[in-house]
Amino acid sequence: MTRRLTVAVERFPIAGAFTIARGSRTEAVVVTATVEDGPWRGRGECVPYARYGESVESVSGLIEAQAGAIADGATRSDLLTTMKPGAARNALDCALWDIEAKRAGRPAWQVAGLGAPTPAVTAYTLSLGEPEAMEEAARGAAHRPLLKVKLGGEGDPERIAAVRRGAPEARLIVDANEAWRADTIRANLAACAKAGVGLIEQPLPADDDGLLAEIERTIPICADESLHDRAGLDALARRYDAINVKLDKTGGLTEAIGLVHEARIRGFQVMVGCMVGTSLAMAPAMLIAHHAAYVDLDGPLLLARDREPGLTYEEGSLVHPPRPELWG
């Protein structure tokens, strides 16, 4: 029987709003690719991201354009050469991993030749807001061991201090989403050091981050928007200490596995991250989470409604590997 590809656009409400330096939204719009072959079915989910020139329509179109290739037996390796890194390839790559595992009757981690995934503590994200609101949000999440704090530029030292007051015991990551500038980065770094922040994501714009090679710092700096796949690793030398691996950037689990391996050889710390999506989008990333110093797979925790079945989040922040009925 010929393989068949279908594409669906789905909407999941966010609990409240999710706000970062580039804007705010109240729902997660995801694109799902499903590959069917006889009794087997594989699924993959992606989240189009406007920052990278993606839209729901463009990503859906890129996936649909692969219907003929998928029907003819295109493999994950084929996609690495015929599609660019990004959300569309991620959905297809993960769907092919899923169906390959189900056809083999083995979990995806075995098919990939990886170690068995284990439960991991995920960061929980606090949206950007006024210091008072962020302190209140931090107080409500203070029982979580790891918080990721969204920052936005002007007023960030006050935000960092407010979150630390609200959650005095939690480990902190901050994510500026490219909002800092040369004239503010030193004061912001000092505020982060005072608050005991453990990692800083993408403080400067990806196309204007050369200062990171010169500036003194005591906190590791993590590349997010500055890195998508292995081809970008050379440019990070001396600027970054860590990388955020997101499947929607790498274009799927296949490239992500290679990226994690190469990054660790080069001495980078690894963070496994996500866009705001459902458990289906988080599930493949769990296969590489045990290689990460930081895990940020909290997408479902930010939603008002997740898929059923979804991932299990024990006591909120301990995320368990996916069951086969979800993925892999």
Foldseek 3Di string as FASTA:
>chain_A
DFKFKDKDKDKFFFPPWAAFQVGIDGIFIKMKIWIDDVPFIFMFIFGFDVVVPGDPVVLNVVLVVCRVVSRVPDALVNCPVVDDAFRNLAGVNQRRLQRVCVVVVHDSLVVVVFDDFFWDFAAAEDHDDPLVVLLVVLLVVLVRQEYEYHAHEPPLLSNLVSSCVSRVRHAYEYEDPQRYDPVCPVVNLVSCVVSNHAEYENPHDLVPQPCLLPDDHDHFYEYEVVDQFPVRPVVCPSRGQAYEYESRRPSHDVRSVVRLVVCVVVRHAYEYEYDQAAQSRCQSSSSCHVSHPHYHSLNNVRTPDHDVPHWDQPVNGTTGHDDSVSGD
